[in-house]
């Protein structure tokens, strides 16, 4: 059987593409595993500090809350599950307002939606502090999925960091807060 030059070139291109594709896929997968294993936040880690503005233009820094338990709710206007969870976040704020627990709602991965978020909070009657996140915060807290909730103890250590859907999240957070309140 005789092959033309075009057929041989197509076959060579195909074989090179397959080999390169497998090589690239294996190396990207390996690099991703190493990256996320090395840098993922876990319970017991020190929470990364941040400095963010709230809806009134005031500065908030995580380190200012040392001595309090802090609940961070990362959300976005485009995130339906985030909005569905918001009444529970408000309930946490109301329930623990006099118990050295700070509940902060951080608009994340949603640049340009600050005014809409402020209006949404006003319409819903939420009194949670609304902060505006940035790219550095997204990177430091490894925000890949929303909603994400992080609970930080009085010394700045992470007690809870959700990155997956958890139907028992509210109860889990209440239990963590109750166990860490003096």
Protein backbone atom coordinates (compact mmCIF):
# COMPACT_ATOMS: atom_id res chain seq x y z
CA UNK A 1 0.00 0.00 0.00
CA UNK A 2 1.38 3.33 -1.03
CA UNK A 3 0.72 6.56 0.96
CA UNK A 4 0.80 10.04 -0.48
CA UNK A 5 2.84 12.82 1.07
CA UNK A 6 -0.36 14.52 2.26
CA UNK A 7 -1.59 11.36 3.98
CA UNK A 8 1.77 10.88 5.73
CA UNK A 9 1.80 14.52 6.87
CA UNK A 10 -1.75 14.22 8.26
CA UNK A 11 -0.84 11.00 10.08
CA UNK A 12 2.34 12.56 11.50
CA UNK A 13 0.42 15.65 12.64
CA UNK A 14 -2.22 13.47 14.30
CA UNK A 15 0.36 11.35 16.16
CA UNK A 16 2.31 14.40 17.32
CA UNK A 17 -0.95 16.05 18.49
CA UNK A 18 -1.94 12.98 20.51
CA UNK A 19 1.46 12.66 22.16
CA UNK A 20 1.68 16.39 22.93
CA UNK A 21 -1.90 16.44 24.24
CA UNK A 22 -1.23 13.57 26.65
CA UNK A 23 2.02 15.16 27.83
CA UNK A 24 0.35 18.54 28.36
CA UNK A 25 -2.67 17.03 30.13
CA UNK A 26 -0.51 15.01 32.54
CA UNK A 27 1.70 17.97 33.39
CA UNK A 28 -1.20 20.38 33.89
CA UNK A 29 -3.01 17.85 36.08
CA UNK A 30 0.14 17.30 38.13
CA UNK A 31 0.79 21.03 38.49
CA UNK A 32 -2.86 21.65 39.50
CA UNK A 33 -2.73 18.96 42.18
CA UNK A 34 0.49 20.35 43.57
CA UNK A 35 -0.79 23.93 43.48
CA UNK A 36 -4.08 23.25 45.22
CA UNK A 37 -2.56 20.81 47.69
CA UNK A 38 0.14 23.31 48.62
CA UNK A 39 -2.10 26.33 48.90
CA UNK A 40 -5.54 25.19 50.00
CA UNK A 41 -6.90 26.70 53.21
CA UNK A 42 -7.71 24.18 55.88
CA UNK A 43 -9.11 24.15 59.38
CA UNK A 44 -6.33 25.19 61.76
CA UNK A 45 -4.57 27.48 59.25
CA UNK A 46 -4.12 31.16 60.03
CA UNK A 47 -6.71 33.16 58.12
CA UNK A 48 -5.15 35.59 55.62
CA UNK A 49 -5.55 39.19 56.71
CA UNK A 50 -7.31 41.63 54.42
CA UNK A 51 -8.22 45.27 54.17
CA UNK A 52 -11.55 45.97 52.45
CA UNK A 53 -14.04 48.82 52.17
CA UNK A 54 -17.64 48.52 53.26
CA UNK A 55 -20.71 50.01 51.59
CA UNK A 56 -20.17 53.29 53.48
CA UNK A 57 -16.52 53.59 52.48
CA UNK A 58 -15.13 52.51 55.87
CA UNK A 59 -12.04 50.28 56.03
CA UNK A 60 -12.29 46.82 57.53
CA UNK A 61 -9.26 44.70 58.35
CA UNK A 62 -9.55 41.14 59.62
CA UNK A 63 -6.83 41.72 62.21
CA UNK A 64 -9.03 44.45 63.78
CA UNK A 65 -11.38 41.68 64.93
CA UNK A 66 -8.80 39.71 66.92
CA UNK A 67 -10.51 38.59 70.11
CA UNK A 68 -13.81 38.01 68.27
CA UNK A 69 -15.01 35.06 66.26
CA UNK A 70 -15.50 36.12 62.63
CA UNK A 71 -17.88 34.61 60.08
CA UNK A 72 -17.01 35.52 56.49
CA UNK A 73 -19.72 34.95 53.89
CA UNK A 74 -18.30 35.19 50.36
CA UNK A 75 -21.03 35.73 47.77
CA UNK A 76 -21.96 37.42 44.47
CA UNK A 77 -25.06 39.05 43.01
CA UNK A 78 -25.13 36.49 40.16
CA UNK A 79 -25.08 33.55 42.62
CA UNK A 80 -28.56 32.17 43.35
CA UNK A 81 -27.39 29.81 46.14
CA UNK A 82 -25.62 32.77 47.77
CA UNK A 83 -28.84 34.77 47.92
CA UNK A 84 -30.77 31.74 49.16
CA UNK A 85 -28.29 31.35 52.03
CA UNK A 86 -28.32 35.04 53.02
CA UNK A 87 -31.27 34.82 55.48
CA UNK A 88 -29.26 32.23 57.47
CA UNK A 89 -26.27 34.56 57.49
CA UNK A 90 -28.51 37.38 58.79
CA UNK A 91 -29.86 34.98 61.43
CA UNK A 92 -26.29 34.25 62.59
CA UNK A 93 -25.64 37.99 62.92
CA UNK A 94 -28.84 38.49 64.92
CA UNK A 95 -28.34 35.43 67.12
CA UNK A 96 -24.71 36.18 68.05
CA UNK A 97 -24.63 40.01 67.97
CA UNK A 98 -23.90 40.29 71.71
CA UNK A 99 -21.48 37.36 71.90
CA UNK A 100 -18.27 38.71 70.32
CA UNK A 101 -19.11 37.28 66.91
CA UNK A 102 -18.67 39.44 63.81
CA UNK A 103 -20.55 38.42 60.65
CA UNK A 104 -19.22 39.97 57.45
CA UNK A 105 -20.73 39.54 54.01
CA UNK A 106 -18.11 39.95 51.29
CA UNK A 107 -19.16 40.61 47.71
CA UNK A 108 -16.61 38.56 45.74
CA UNK A 109 -15.85 37.80 42.09
CA UNK A 110 -18.47 40.39 41.13
CA UNK A 111 -16.64 43.63 40.35
CA UNK A 112 -18.95 46.47 39.37
CA UNK A 113 -21.96 45.15 41.31
CA UNK A 114 -21.36 47.14 44.50
CA UNK A 115 -24.34 49.51 44.08
CA UNK A 116 -26.68 46.64 43.15
CA UNK A 117 -25.49 44.68 46.21
CA UNK A 118 -26.05 47.68 48.46
CA UNK A 119 -29.58 48.10 47.05
CA UNK A 120 -30.26 44.38 47.43
CA UNK A 121 -29.23 44.46 51.11
CA UNK A 122 -31.47 47.49 51.71
CA UNK A 123 -34.46 45.87 49.92
CA UNK A 124 -34.04 42.65 51.90
CA UNK A 125 -33.53 44.45 55.22
CA UNK A 126 -30.13 42.86 55.86
CA UNK A 127 -28.02 44.51 58.54
CA UNK A 128 -24.92 42.39 57.89
CA UNK A 129 -21.79 44.45 57.20
CA UNK A 130 -21.37 44.47 53.41
CA UNK A 131 -17.73 44.52 52.30
CA UNK A 132 -16.35 44.67 48.78
CA UNK A 133 -13.80 41.97 47.95
CA UNK A 134 -10.91 42.18 45.50
CA UNK A 135 -8.66 39.87 43.47
CA UNK A 136 -6.12 39.56 46.30
CA UNK A 137 -8.83 38.36 48.69
CA UNK A 138 -10.13 35.85 46.11
CA UNK A 139 -6.60 34.46 45.70
CA UNK A 140 -5.77 34.40 49.42
CA UNK A 141 -8.98 32.58 50.34
CA UNK A 142 -8.81 30.37 47.22
CA UNK A 143 -12.33 31.28 46.22
CA UNK A 144 -13.27 29.05 43.32
CA UNK A 145 -16.90 28.46 44.16
CA UNK A 146 -19.57 30.59 45.76
CA UNK A 147 -21.06 30.69 48.26
CA UNK A 148 -18.13 30.03 50.57
CA UNK A 149 -18.26 30.54 54.33
CA UNK A 150 -15.21 30.75 56.59
CA UNK A 151 -15.34 30.88 60.39
CA UNK A 152 -12.28 32.25 62.18
CA UNK A 153 -11.57 31.94 65.90
CA UNK A 154 -10.52 34.72 68.28
CA UNK A 155 -6.82 34.15 67.52
CA UNK A 156 -7.23 34.19 63.73
CA UNK A 157 -7.26 30.42 63.11
CA UNK A 158 -9.72 28.90 60.66
CA UNK A 159 -12.41 26.83 62.38
CA UNK A 160 -14.52 26.17 59.28
CA UNK A 161 -14.00 26.74 55.56
CA UNK A 162 -16.70 25.48 53.20
CA UNK A 163 -16.05 25.20 49.50
CA UNK A 164 -18.77 22.66 48.75
CA UNK A 165 -22.51 22.51 49.16
CA UNK A 166 -23.41 21.43 52.69
CA UNK A 167 -27.11 21.07 53.58
CA UNK A 168 -26.17 21.16 57.29
CA UNK A 169 -23.93 24.22 57.03
CA UNK A 170 -26.05 26.52 59.22
CA UNK A 171 -26.25 23.91 61.99
CA UNK A 172 -22.52 23.17 61.65
CA UNK A 173 -21.67 26.86 62.01
CA UNK A 174 -24.00 27.27 65.00
CA UNK A 175 -22.34 24.29 66.67
CA UNK A 176 -18.87 25.72 66.00
CA UNK A 177 -19.88 29.15 67.31
CA UNK A 178 -21.49 27.70 70.43
CA UNK A 179 -18.40 25.56 71.14
CA UNK A 180 -16.08 28.59 70.84
CA UNK A 181 -18.04 31.26 72.69
CA UNK A 182 -16.94 31.86 76.26
